[in-house]
């Protein structure tokens, strides 16, 4: 991120709101209730949601499936539960997905997973870096981004990834009120402004 443009937003990133946040908070509350009997339940649920989020990021077919409004609840349930079974996803996340299907909110699953991760990171004192790229990140790229942020003095960084093809390439990283914009779209806009100024 050597050539990034740094912006300071007027306020920090808002906490997750709306239905995804409510589902995430309900799941976090359920996990808290189970912690006495299963101390590692938070980590297990977080891993299940991260697995689903990774599948959503990496598998266009899965993204299309959960976002398809034409599918009825029965088809969504059958298809999604087959994927959950293959992934060994635990009961809590399975039940959450079932409720989301019943409420016609399956398309919000990635937002719920991200909201849960953000709530858990906040509780653990970790910092969440919202990373927007034109294409899904590879594991190597994720590691490099975390390493660069750690070098910049941040600790316990957790990435929350978003895909936006309109930025064309590069990446945008937001941490709290700080915004690092190294996208091709922004570079083109800066070039356009520079050319207008020179004219």
N, C-alpha and C. Protein backbone atom coordinates (compact mmCIF):
# COMPACT_ATOMS: atom_id res chain seq x y z
N UNK A 1 0.83 -1.19 0.00
CA UNK A 1 0.00 0.00 0.00
C UNK A 1 0.88 1.25 0.00
N UNK A 2 1.95 1.25 -0.79
CA UNK A 2 2.90 2.35 -0.78
C UNK A 2 2.31 3.63 -1.33
N UNK A 3 1.48 3.54 -2.36
CA UNK A 3 0.98 4.73 -3.03
C UNK A 3 -0.46 5.04 -2.67
N UNK A 4 -0.83 4.74 -1.43
CA UNK A 4 -2.24 4.92 -1.10
C UNK A 4 -2.57 6.38 -0.83
N UNK A 5 -3.81 6.71 -0.96
CA UNK A 5 -4.31 8.01 -0.57
C UNK A 5 -5.01 7.82 0.76
N UNK A 6 -4.70 8.66 1.73
CA UNK A 6 -5.28 8.51 3.06
C UNK A 6 -6.35 9.56 3.26
N UNK A 7 -7.55 9.12 3.61
CA UNK A 7 -8.66 10.02 3.91
C UNK A 7 -9.05 9.78 5.36
N UNK A 8 -9.55 10.78 6.00
CA UNK A 8 -10.10 10.60 7.34
C UNK A 8 -11.60 10.84 7.25
N UNK A 9 -12.36 9.83 7.58
CA UNK A 9 -13.81 9.97 7.54
C UNK A 9 -14.26 10.79 8.73
N UNK A 10 -15.47 11.34 8.62
CA UNK A 10 -15.96 12.21 9.69
C UNK A 10 -16.27 11.43 10.96
N UNK A 11 -16.57 10.16 10.81
CA UNK A 11 -16.84 9.34 12.00
C UNK A 11 -16.37 7.94 11.72
N UNK A 12 -16.27 7.13 12.76
CA UNK A 12 -15.80 5.77 12.57
C UNK A 12 -16.89 4.95 11.88
N UNK A 13 -16.47 3.79 11.38
CA UNK A 13 -17.42 2.92 10.70
C UNK A 13 -18.56 2.59 11.65
N UNK A 14 -19.80 2.62 11.18
CA UNK A 14 -20.91 2.33 12.08
C UNK A 14 -20.92 0.87 12.47
N UNK A 15 -21.48 0.60 13.63
CA UNK A 15 -21.67 -0.79 14.03
C UNK A 15 -22.68 -1.42 13.09
N UNK A 16 -22.58 -2.74 12.89
CA UNK A 16 -23.55 -3.38 12.01
C UNK A 16 -24.97 -3.09 12.48
N UNK A 17 -25.84 -2.78 11.54
CA UNK A 17 -27.22 -2.46 11.89
C UNK A 17 -28.18 -3.31 11.07
N UNK A 18 -29.45 -3.23 11.44
CA UNK A 18 -30.47 -3.92 10.67
C UNK A 18 -30.54 -5.39 11.01
N UNK A 19 -31.22 -6.12 10.11
CA UNK A 19 -31.46 -7.55 10.33
C UNK A 19 -30.17 -8.35 10.49
N UNK A 20 -29.13 -8.15 9.65
CA UNK A 20 -27.90 -8.93 9.84
C UNK A 20 -27.32 -8.78 11.24
N UNK A 21 -27.32 -7.55 11.76
CA UNK A 21 -26.78 -7.32 13.10
C UNK A 21 -27.64 -8.03 14.16
N UNK A 22 -28.96 -8.00 13.97
CA UNK A 22 -29.84 -8.66 14.94
C UNK A 22 -29.61 -10.18 14.95
N UNK A 23 -29.48 -10.77 13.76
CA UNK A 23 -29.18 -12.21 13.70
C UNK A 23 -27.83 -12.50 14.36
N UNK A 24 -26.84 -11.67 14.07
CA UNK A 24 -25.50 -11.89 14.63
C UNK A 24 -25.53 -11.76 16.15
N UNK A 25 -26.23 -10.75 16.67
CA UNK A 25 -26.31 -10.57 18.11
C UNK A 25 -27.06 -11.72 18.79
N UNK A 26 -28.11 -12.21 18.12
CA UNK A 26 -28.85 -13.35 18.68
C UNK A 26 -27.95 -14.58 18.74
N UNK A 27 -27.16 -14.79 17.68
CA UNK A 27 -26.26 -15.95 17.66
C UNK A 27 -25.17 -15.80 18.72
N UNK A 28 -24.67 -14.58 18.91
CA UNK A 28 -23.67 -14.34 19.94
C UNK A 28 -24.26 -14.59 21.32
N UNK A 29 -25.50 -14.17 21.54
CA UNK A 29 -26.17 -14.42 22.81
C UNK A 29 -26.36 -15.91 23.07
N UNK A 30 -26.73 -16.66 22.02
CA UNK A 30 -26.88 -18.11 22.14
C UNK A 30 -25.55 -18.77 22.50
N UNK A 31 -24.47 -18.30 21.85
CA UNK A 31 -23.15 -18.84 22.14
C UNK A 31 -22.76 -18.56 23.59
N UNK A 32 -23.06 -17.35 24.06
CA UNK A 32 -22.75 -17.01 25.46
C UNK A 32 -23.48 -17.94 26.42
N UNK A 33 -24.73 -18.25 26.10
CA UNK A 33 -25.51 -19.16 26.95
C UNK A 33 -24.90 -20.55 27.01
N UNK A 34 -24.19 -20.96 25.96
CA UNK A 34 -23.64 -22.31 25.90
C UNK A 34 -22.20 -22.39 26.39
N UNK A 35 -21.59 -21.24 26.71
CA UNK A 35 -20.16 -21.24 27.05
C UNK A 35 -19.83 -22.03 28.31
N UNK A 36 -20.75 -22.10 29.26
CA UNK A 36 -20.48 -22.84 30.49
C UNK A 36 -20.29 -24.32 30.18
N UNK A 37 -21.11 -24.86 29.29
CA UNK A 37 -21.02 -26.28 28.94
C UNK A 37 -19.97 -26.54 27.86
N UNK A 38 -19.72 -25.52 27.00
CA UNK A 38 -18.76 -25.70 25.91
C UNK A 38 -17.92 -24.42 25.79
N UNK A 39 -16.77 -24.37 26.48
CA UNK A 39 -15.97 -23.13 26.51
C UNK A 39 -15.54 -22.61 25.13
N UNK A 40 -15.37 -23.51 24.15
CA UNK A 40 -14.87 -23.10 22.83
C UNK A 40 -15.99 -22.83 21.83
N UNK A 41 -17.22 -22.69 22.30
CA UNK A 41 -18.36 -22.57 21.38
C UNK A 41 -18.25 -21.34 20.49
N UNK A 42 -17.74 -20.22 21.02
CA UNK A 42 -17.61 -19.00 20.21
C UNK A 42 -16.66 -19.23 19.03
N UNK A 43 -15.54 -19.87 19.31
CA UNK A 43 -14.57 -20.15 18.24
C UNK A 43 -15.15 -21.09 17.20
N UNK A 44 -15.91 -22.07 17.66
CA UNK A 44 -16.50 -23.05 16.73
C UNK A 44 -17.53 -22.38 15.82
N UNK A 45 -18.39 -21.56 16.40
CA UNK A 45 -19.40 -20.86 15.60
C UNK A 45 -18.73 -19.87 14.65
N UNK A 46 -17.73 -19.15 15.14
CA UNK A 46 -17.01 -18.20 14.28
C UNK A 46 -16.36 -18.93 13.11
N UNK A 47 -15.78 -20.11 13.37
CA UNK A 47 -15.15 -20.88 12.29
C UNK A 47 -16.18 -21.35 11.27
N UNK A 48 -17.36 -21.76 11.76
CA UNK A 48 -18.44 -22.18 10.84
C UNK A 48 -18.85 -21.01 9.93
N UNK A 49 -19.03 -19.83 10.53
CA UNK A 49 -19.44 -18.67 9.74
C UNK A 49 -18.34 -18.22 8.80
N UNK A 50 -17.09 -18.28 9.24
CA UNK A 50 -15.97 -17.92 8.36
C UNK A 50 -15.90 -18.88 7.18
N UNK A 51 -16.17 -20.18 7.45
CA UNK A 51 -16.18 -21.15 6.36
C UNK A 51 -17.25 -20.84 5.33
N UNK A 52 -18.44 -20.47 5.80
CA UNK A 52 -19.52 -20.10 4.88
C UNK A 52 -19.20 -18.81 4.13
N UNK A 53 -18.60 -17.86 4.83
CA UNK A 53 -18.23 -16.60 4.19
C UNK A 53 -17.16 -16.84 3.12
N UNK A 54 -16.21 -17.72 3.44
CA UNK A 54 -15.18 -18.07 2.46
C UNK A 54 -15.78 -18.75 1.23
N UNK A 55 -16.74 -19.63 1.46
CA UNK A 55 -17.42 -20.30 0.35
C UNK A 55 -18.16 -19.28 -0.50
N UNK A 56 -18.81 -18.32 0.15
CA UNK A 56 -19.54 -17.28 -0.58
C UNK A 56 -18.58 -16.43 -1.42
N UNK A 57 -17.40 -16.11 -0.83
CA UNK A 57 -16.42 -15.29 -1.56
C UNK A 57 -15.85 -16.03 -2.76
N UNK A 58 -15.58 -17.33 -2.58
CA UNK A 58 -14.83 -18.08 -3.58
C UNK A 58 -15.68 -18.83 -4.59
N UNK A 59 -16.96 -19.01 -4.32
CA UNK A 59 -17.81 -19.84 -5.18
C UNK A 59 -18.97 -19.01 -5.75
N UNK A 60 -18.84 -18.63 -7.01
CA UNK A 60 -19.88 -17.81 -7.65
C UNK A 60 -21.22 -18.53 -7.67
N UNK A 61 -21.21 -19.85 -7.83
CA UNK A 61 -22.45 -20.61 -7.84
C UNK A 61 -23.19 -20.50 -6.51
N UNK A 62 -22.45 -20.57 -5.41
CA UNK A 62 -23.07 -20.43 -4.09
C UNK A 62 -23.61 -19.02 -3.90
N UNK A 63 -22.84 -18.00 -4.34
CA UNK A 63 -23.31 -16.61 -4.24
C UNK A 63 -24.63 -16.45 -5.00
N UNK A 64 -24.66 -16.98 -6.21
CA UNK A 64 -25.88 -16.86 -7.03
C UNK A 64 -27.05 -17.60 -6.39
N UNK A 65 -26.76 -18.77 -5.82
CA UNK A 65 -27.81 -19.58 -5.21
C UNK A 65 -28.48 -18.85 -4.05
N UNK A 66 -27.69 -18.33 -3.11
CA UNK A 66 -28.31 -17.72 -1.94
C UNK A 66 -28.96 -16.38 -2.26
N UNK A 67 -28.54 -15.75 -3.37
CA UNK A 67 -29.11 -14.45 -3.74
C UNK A 67 -30.32 -14.57 -4.66
N UNK A 68 -30.64 -15.79 -5.12
CA UNK A 68 -31.70 -15.98 -6.11
C UNK A 68 -33.07 -15.86 -5.46
N UNK A 69 -33.81 -14.78 -5.73
CA UNK A 69 -35.12 -14.59 -5.08
C UNK A 69 -36.21 -15.50 -5.64
N UNK A 70 -35.91 -16.17 -6.76
CA UNK A 70 -36.94 -17.03 -7.38
C UNK A 70 -37.06 -18.38 -6.68
N UNK A 71 -36.06 -18.75 -5.90
CA UNK A 71 -36.09 -20.05 -5.23
C UNK A 71 -37.04 -20.01 -4.04
N UNK A 72 -37.87 -21.02 -3.93
CA UNK A 72 -38.76 -21.15 -2.79
C UNK A 72 -37.98 -21.63 -1.57
N UNK A 73 -38.62 -21.55 -0.42
CA UNK A 73 -37.96 -21.93 0.83
C UNK A 73 -37.52 -23.39 0.82
N UNK A 74 -38.34 -24.28 0.24
CA UNK A 74 -37.99 -25.71 0.23
C UNK A 74 -36.72 -25.95 -0.57
N UNK A 75 -36.59 -25.31 -1.73
CA UNK A 75 -35.38 -25.49 -2.55
C UNK A 75 -34.17 -24.86 -1.87
N UNK A 76 -34.36 -23.68 -1.27
CA UNK A 76 -33.25 -23.04 -0.56
C UNK A 76 -32.79 -23.92 0.60
N UNK A 77 -33.76 -24.46 1.34
CA UNK A 77 -33.41 -25.29 2.49
C UNK A 77 -32.65 -26.54 2.05
N UNK A 78 -33.15 -27.22 1.03
CA UNK A 78 -32.51 -28.46 0.56
C UNK A 78 -31.10 -28.17 0.07
N UNK A 79 -30.95 -27.14 -0.76
CA UNK A 79 -29.63 -26.83 -1.32
C UNK A 79 -28.65 -26.35 -0.28
N UNK A 80 -29.09 -25.44 0.58
CA UNK A 80 -28.19 -24.88 1.58
C UNK A 80 -27.80 -25.91 2.62
N UNK A 81 -28.77 -26.72 3.07
CA UNK A 81 -28.45 -27.72 4.08
C UNK A 81 -27.52 -28.80 3.54
N UNK A 82 -27.61 -29.10 2.25
CA UNK A 82 -26.67 -30.05 1.65
C UNK A 82 -25.25 -29.50 1.74
N UNK A 83 -25.11 -28.19 1.50
CA UNK A 83 -23.79 -27.54 1.60
C UNK A 83 -23.32 -27.52 3.05
N UNK A 84 -24.22 -27.22 3.98
CA UNK A 84 -23.86 -27.20 5.39
C UNK A 84 -23.42 -28.58 5.87
N UNK A 85 -24.12 -29.62 5.39
CA UNK A 85 -23.75 -30.99 5.77
C UNK A 85 -22.35 -31.33 5.27
N UNK A 86 -22.08 -30.95 4.00
CA UNK A 86 -20.75 -31.24 3.44
C UNK A 86 -19.65 -30.50 4.20
N UNK A 87 -19.97 -29.30 4.67
CA UNK A 87 -18.98 -28.50 5.38
C UNK A 87 -18.87 -28.82 6.86
N UNK A 88 -19.72 -29.72 7.37
CA UNK A 88 -19.68 -30.07 8.79
C UNK A 88 -20.07 -28.90 9.69
N UNK A 89 -20.98 -28.07 9.23
CA UNK A 89 -21.40 -26.88 9.98
C UNK A 89 -22.25 -27.30 11.18
N UNK A 90 -21.99 -26.68 12.32
CA UNK A 90 -22.64 -27.04 13.58
C UNK A 90 -24.11 -26.64 13.67
N UNK A 91 -24.75 -27.12 14.72
CA UNK A 91 -26.18 -26.95 14.93
C UNK A 91 -26.60 -25.49 15.01
N UNK A 92 -25.83 -24.66 15.70
CA UNK A 92 -26.24 -23.27 15.90
C UNK A 92 -26.34 -22.53 14.56
N UNK A 93 -25.35 -22.69 13.72
CA UNK A 93 -25.36 -22.00 12.42
C UNK A 93 -26.42 -22.62 11.51
N UNK A 94 -26.59 -23.93 11.59
CA UNK A 94 -27.66 -24.59 10.81
C UNK A 94 -29.03 -24.02 11.19
N UNK A 95 -29.27 -23.89 12.50
CA UNK A 95 -30.54 -23.34 12.97
C UNK A 95 -30.72 -21.89 12.52
N UNK A 96 -29.64 -21.11 12.59
CA UNK A 96 -29.69 -19.73 12.13
C UNK A 96 -30.07 -19.67 10.65
N UNK A 97 -29.42 -20.49 9.84
CA UNK A 97 -29.70 -20.52 8.40
C UNK A 97 -31.15 -20.92 8.16
N UNK A 98 -31.63 -21.89 8.93
CA UNK A 98 -33.03 -22.31 8.80
C UNK A 98 -34.00 -21.17 9.07
N UNK A 99 -33.73 -20.39 10.12
CA UNK A 99 -34.58 -19.24 10.45
C UNK A 99 -34.50 -18.20 9.34
N UNK A 100 -33.30 -17.97 8.81
CA UNK A 100 -33.14 -16.99 7.74
C UNK A 100 -33.89 -17.40 6.48
N UNK A 101 -33.89 -18.70 6.19
CA UNK A 101 -34.64 -19.19 5.02
C UNK A 101 -36.13 -18.98 5.24
N UNK A 102 -36.62 -19.33 6.42
CA UNK A 102 -38.03 -19.15 6.75
C UNK A 102 -38.45 -17.69 6.61
N UNK A 103 -37.55 -16.78 7.02
CA UNK A 103 -37.84 -15.34 6.98
C UNK A 103 -37.47 -14.70 5.64
N UNK A 104 -37.08 -15.53 4.66
CA UNK A 104 -36.69 -15.04 3.32
C UNK A 104 -35.53 -14.06 3.40
N UNK A 105 -34.53 -14.39 4.23
CA UNK A 105 -33.37 -13.51 4.43
C UNK A 105 -32.05 -14.21 4.13
N UNK A 106 -32.08 -15.32 3.40
CA UNK A 106 -30.85 -16.07 3.16
C UNK A 106 -29.79 -15.22 2.46
N UNK A 107 -30.21 -14.29 1.61
CA UNK A 107 -29.24 -13.45 0.90
C UNK A 107 -28.40 -12.60 1.86
N UNK A 108 -28.87 -12.44 3.10
CA UNK A 108 -28.13 -11.66 4.10
C UNK A 108 -27.09 -12.49 4.84
N UNK A 109 -26.94 -13.76 4.50
CA UNK A 109 -26.02 -14.63 5.23
C UNK A 109 -24.59 -14.08 5.29
N UNK A 110 -24.01 -13.58 4.18
CA UNK A 110 -22.65 -13.02 4.28
C UNK A 110 -22.59 -11.83 5.24
N UNK A 111 -23.61 -10.98 5.22
CA UNK A 111 -23.63 -9.81 6.11
C UNK A 111 -23.74 -10.25 7.56
N UNK A 112 -24.50 -11.32 7.83
CA UNK A 112 -24.62 -11.84 9.20
C UNK A 112 -23.27 -12.38 9.66
N UNK A 113 -22.60 -13.13 8.79
CA UNK A 113 -21.28 -13.69 9.13
C UNK A 113 -20.29 -12.57 9.44
N UNK A 114 -20.31 -11.51 8.62
CA UNK A 114 -19.40 -10.39 8.86
C UNK A 114 -19.77 -9.65 10.13
N UNK A 115 -21.05 -9.48 10.39
CA UNK A 115 -21.49 -8.79 11.61
C UNK A 115 -21.08 -9.58 12.85
N UNK A 116 -21.23 -10.91 12.79
CA UNK A 116 -20.84 -11.75 13.92
C UNK A 116 -19.33 -11.62 14.16
N UNK A 117 -18.56 -11.68 13.07
CA UNK A 117 -17.10 -11.54 13.20
C UNK A 117 -16.71 -10.20 13.78
N UNK A 118 -17.41 -9.13 13.37
CA UNK A 118 -17.10 -7.80 13.89
C UNK A 118 -17.44 -7.69 15.38
N UNK A 119 -18.58 -8.25 15.77
CA UNK A 119 -18.97 -8.22 17.18
C UNK A 119 -17.97 -9.00 18.04
N UNK A 120 -17.55 -10.15 17.54
CA UNK A 120 -16.61 -10.99 18.28
C UNK A 120 -15.24 -10.30 18.36
N UNK A 121 -14.81 -9.69 17.24
CA UNK A 121 -13.53 -8.97 17.23
C UNK A 121 -13.55 -7.81 18.23
N UNK A 122 -14.65 -7.08 18.26
CA UNK A 122 -14.78 -5.94 19.18
C UNK A 122 -14.70 -6.43 20.62
N UNK A 123 -15.38 -7.53 20.90
CA UNK A 123 -15.36 -8.10 22.25
C UNK A 123 -13.95 -8.51 22.65
N UNK A 124 -13.18 -9.01 21.70
CA UNK A 124 -11.83 -9.51 21.99
C UNK A 124 -10.75 -8.44 21.85
N UNK A 125 -11.19 -7.21 21.59
CA UNK A 125 -10.21 -6.13 21.47
C UNK A 125 -9.43 -6.15 20.18
N UNK A 126 -9.94 -6.84 19.18
CA UNK A 126 -9.28 -6.86 17.88
C UNK A 126 -9.78 -5.71 17.03
N UNK A 127 -9.00 -5.35 16.03
CA UNK A 127 -9.40 -4.30 15.10
C UNK A 127 -9.84 -4.95 13.79
N UNK A 128 -10.93 -4.45 13.24
CA UNK A 128 -11.44 -4.98 11.99
C UNK A 128 -11.06 -4.03 10.86
N UNK A 129 -10.42 -4.59 9.85
CA UNK A 129 -10.09 -3.82 8.65
C UNK A 129 -11.05 -4.24 7.55
N UNK A 130 -11.87 -3.30 7.08
CA UNK A 130 -12.78 -3.56 5.97
C UNK A 130 -12.00 -3.40 4.68
N UNK A 131 -11.84 -4.50 3.95
CA UNK A 131 -11.04 -4.50 2.72
C UNK A 131 -11.97 -4.71 1.53
N UNK A 132 -11.95 -3.76 0.60
CA UNK A 132 -12.75 -3.86 -0.61
C UNK A 132 -11.82 -4.08 -1.80
N UNK A 133 -12.09 -5.12 -2.56
CA UNK A 133 -11.30 -5.42 -3.76
C UNK A 133 -12.24 -5.71 -4.92
N UNK A 134 -11.69 -5.66 -6.12
CA UNK A 134 -12.50 -5.95 -7.31
C UNK A 134 -12.73 -7.45 -7.47
N UNK A 135 -11.81 -8.25 -6.95
CA UNK A 135 -11.87 -9.70 -7.07
C UNK A 135 -11.57 -10.32 -5.71
N UNK A 136 -12.02 -11.55 -5.45
CA UNK A 136 -11.71 -12.19 -4.16
C UNK A 136 -10.21 -12.26 -3.89
N UNK A 137 -9.83 -12.07 -2.64
CA UNK A 137 -8.43 -12.16 -2.23
C UNK A 137 -7.98 -13.61 -2.14
N UNK A 138 -6.72 -13.84 -2.42
CA UNK A 138 -6.13 -15.16 -2.19
C UNK A 138 -5.63 -15.21 -0.75
N UNK A 139 -5.31 -16.39 -0.27
CA UNK A 139 -4.78 -16.52 1.10
C UNK A 139 -3.49 -15.73 1.23
N UNK A 140 -2.64 -15.76 0.20
CA UNK A 140 -1.37 -15.03 0.23
C UNK A 140 -1.62 -13.53 0.36
N UNK A 141 -2.58 -13.02 -0.40
CA UNK A 141 -2.90 -11.60 -0.32
C UNK A 141 -3.44 -11.22 1.05
N UNK A 142 -4.28 -12.08 1.63
CA UNK A 142 -4.80 -11.81 2.98
C UNK A 142 -3.64 -11.70 3.98
N UNK A 143 -2.72 -12.65 3.89
CA UNK A 143 -1.57 -12.66 4.81
C UNK A 143 -0.73 -11.41 4.63
N UNK A 144 -0.52 -10.99 3.36
CA UNK A 144 0.28 -9.79 3.10
C UNK A 144 -0.39 -8.54 3.64
N UNK A 145 -1.70 -8.44 3.49
CA UNK A 145 -2.42 -7.26 3.99
C UNK A 145 -2.33 -7.19 5.51
N UNK A 146 -2.56 -8.31 6.19
CA UNK A 146 -2.46 -8.33 7.66
C UNK A 146 -1.04 -7.97 8.09
N UNK A 147 -0.04 -8.50 7.37
CA UNK A 147 1.36 -8.20 7.71
C UNK A 147 1.65 -6.71 7.57
N UNK A 148 1.16 -6.09 6.48
CA UNK A 148 1.39 -4.66 6.26
C UNK A 148 0.70 -3.82 7.33
N UNK A 149 -0.52 -4.22 7.71
CA UNK A 149 -1.24 -3.49 8.75
C UNK A 149 -0.56 -3.64 10.10
N UNK A 150 -0.01 -4.81 10.35
CA UNK A 150 0.73 -5.05 11.60
C UNK A 150 1.99 -4.18 11.63
N UNK A 151 2.68 -4.10 10.47
CA UNK A 151 3.87 -3.24 10.37
C UNK A 151 3.51 -1.78 10.63
N UNK A 152 2.28 -1.41 10.26
CA UNK A 152 1.82 -0.02 10.46
C UNK A 152 1.41 0.27 11.90
N UNK A 153 1.56 -0.73 12.77
CA UNK A 153 1.29 -0.51 14.19
C UNK A 153 -0.03 -1.03 14.69
N UNK A 154 -0.79 -1.72 13.85
CA UNK A 154 -2.06 -2.28 14.29
C UNK A 154 -1.83 -3.70 14.80
N UNK A 155 -2.59 -4.08 15.80
CA UNK A 155 -2.44 -5.44 16.32
C UNK A 155 -3.78 -6.15 16.35
N UNK A 156 -3.73 -7.46 16.27
CA UNK A 156 -4.95 -8.26 16.31
C UNK A 156 -5.90 -7.92 15.20
N UNK A 157 -5.39 -7.71 13.99
CA UNK A 157 -6.22 -7.27 12.87
C UNK A 157 -7.00 -8.43 12.29
N UNK A 158 -8.29 -8.19 12.06
CA UNK A 158 -9.17 -9.15 11.42
C UNK A 158 -9.70 -8.50 10.15
N UNK A 159 -9.67 -9.22 9.03
CA UNK A 159 -10.15 -8.67 7.77
C UNK A 159 -11.62 -8.97 7.57
N UNK A 160 -12.35 -7.97 7.12
CA UNK A 160 -13.73 -8.14 6.68
C UNK A 160 -13.73 -7.77 5.20
N UNK A 161 -13.94 -8.76 4.34
CA UNK A 161 -13.74 -8.58 2.91
C UNK A 161 -15.03 -8.26 2.17
N UNK A 162 -14.91 -7.36 1.20
CA UNK A 162 -16.04 -6.99 0.35
C UNK A 162 -15.55 -6.97 -1.10
N UNK A 163 -16.39 -7.37 -2.01
CA UNK A 163 -16.03 -7.37 -3.43
C UNK A 163 -16.86 -6.30 -4.12
N UNK A 164 -16.17 -5.41 -4.85
CA UNK A 164 -16.83 -4.35 -5.61
C UNK A 164 -16.12 -4.22 -6.95
N UNK A 165 -16.63 -4.87 -8.00
CA UNK A 165 -15.96 -4.83 -9.30
C UNK A 165 -15.78 -3.41 -9.85
N UNK A 166 -16.58 -2.45 -9.36
CA UNK A 166 -16.50 -1.08 -9.90
C UNK A 166 -15.19 -0.38 -9.56
N UNK A 167 -14.42 -0.89 -8.57
CA UNK A 167 -13.14 -0.23 -8.26
C UNK A 167 -12.04 -0.65 -9.23
N UNK A 168 -12.33 -1.63 -10.10
CA UNK A 168 -11.48 -2.08 -11.20
C UNK A 168 -10.27 -2.89 -10.76
N UNK A 169 -9.61 -2.52 -9.72
CA UNK A 169 -8.42 -3.23 -9.23
C UNK A 169 -7.89 -2.50 -8.01
N UNK A 170 -6.78 -2.98 -7.47
CA UNK A 170 -6.24 -2.39 -6.25
C UNK A 170 -7.12 -2.74 -5.07
N UNK A 171 -7.08 -1.91 -4.03
CA UNK A 171 -7.90 -2.19 -2.86
C UNK A 171 -8.18 -0.92 -2.07
N UNK A 172 -9.22 -1.00 -1.28
CA UNK A 172 -9.59 0.07 -0.35
C UNK A 172 -9.65 -0.57 1.03
N UNK A 173 -8.95 0.03 1.99
CA UNK A 173 -8.94 -0.50 3.36
C UNK A 173 -9.46 0.58 4.29
N UNK A 174 -10.47 0.22 5.09
CA UNK A 174 -11.00 1.15 6.09
C UNK A 174 -10.83 0.52 7.47
N UNK A 175 -10.19 1.29 8.37
CA UNK A 175 -10.03 0.86 9.76
C UNK A 175 -10.50 2.01 10.62
N UNK A 176 -11.65 1.84 11.24
CA UNK A 176 -12.20 2.93 12.03
C UNK A 176 -12.45 4.14 11.15
N UNK A 177 -11.84 5.27 11.48
CA UNK A 177 -12.04 6.50 10.72
C UNK A 177 -11.02 6.68 9.60
N UNK A 178 -10.07 5.74 9.50
CA UNK A 178 -9.02 5.87 8.48
C UNK A 178 -9.39 5.09 7.22
N UNK A 179 -9.14 5.72 6.09
CA UNK A 179 -9.45 5.10 4.80
C UNK A 179 -8.22 5.18 3.91
N UNK A 180 -7.74 4.01 3.45
CA UNK A 180 -6.62 3.92 2.54
C UNK A 180 -7.16 3.47 1.19
N UNK A 181 -7.14 4.37 0.22
CA UNK A 181 -7.74 4.08 -1.08
C UNK A 181 -6.64 3.96 -2.13
N UNK A 182 -6.36 2.72 -2.53
CA UNK A 182 -5.35 2.44 -3.54
C UNK A 182 -6.00 1.73 -4.72
N UNK A 183 -7.27 2.09 -5.00
CA UNK A 183 -7.99 1.44 -6.08
C UNK A 183 -7.65 2.09 -7.42
N UNK A 184 -7.76 1.31 -8.47
CA UNK A 184 -7.51 1.84 -9.81
C UNK A 184 -8.53 2.93 -10.14
N UNK A 185 -9.77 2.74 -9.70
CA UNK A 185 -10.81 3.75 -9.94
C UNK A 185 -10.39 5.10 -9.38
N UNK A 186 -9.89 5.13 -8.15
CA UNK A 186 -9.47 6.40 -7.53
C UNK A 186 -8.25 6.98 -8.23
N UNK A 187 -7.33 6.11 -8.64
CA UNK A 187 -6.15 6.60 -9.37
C UNK A 187 -6.56 7.26 -10.68
N UNK A 188 -7.51 6.65 -11.38
CA UNK A 188 -8.01 7.23 -12.63
C UNK A 188 -8.71 8.57 -12.37
N UNK A 189 -9.47 8.64 -11.28
CA UNK A 189 -10.14 9.89 -10.94
C UNK A 189 -9.12 10.99 -10.62
N UNK A 190 -8.06 10.64 -9.87
CA UNK A 190 -7.03 11.63 -9.55
C UNK A 190 -6.32 12.10 -10.82
N UNK A 191 -6.07 11.17 -11.74
CA UNK A 191 -5.44 11.53 -13.01
C UNK A 191 -6.34 12.47 -13.81
N UNK A 192 -7.64 12.16 -13.81
CA UNK A 192 -8.60 13.00 -14.52
C UNK A 192 -8.61 14.42 -13.94
N UNK A 193 -8.63 14.53 -12.61
CA UNK A 193 -8.61 15.84 -11.97
C UNK A 193 -7.32 16.59 -12.29
N UNK A 194 -6.18 15.87 -12.29
CA UNK A 194 -4.89 16.49 -12.59
C UNK A 194 -4.87 17.02 -14.02
N UNK A 195 -5.44 16.24 -14.95
CA UNK A 195 -5.47 16.65 -16.35
C UNK A 195 -6.37 17.88 -16.53
N UNK A 196 -7.49 17.94 -15.80
CA UNK A 196 -8.37 19.10 -15.87
C UNK A 196 -7.66 20.34 -15.33
N UNK A 197 -6.90 20.13 -14.27
CA UNK A 197 -6.18 21.26 -13.67
C UNK A 197 -5.09 21.78 -14.58
N UNK A 198 -4.47 20.88 -15.37
CA UNK A 198 -3.39 21.28 -16.26
C UNK A 198 -3.89 21.93 -17.53
N UNK A 199 -5.18 21.71 -17.84
CA UNK A 199 -5.75 22.22 -19.10
C UNK A 199 -5.97 23.73 -19.03
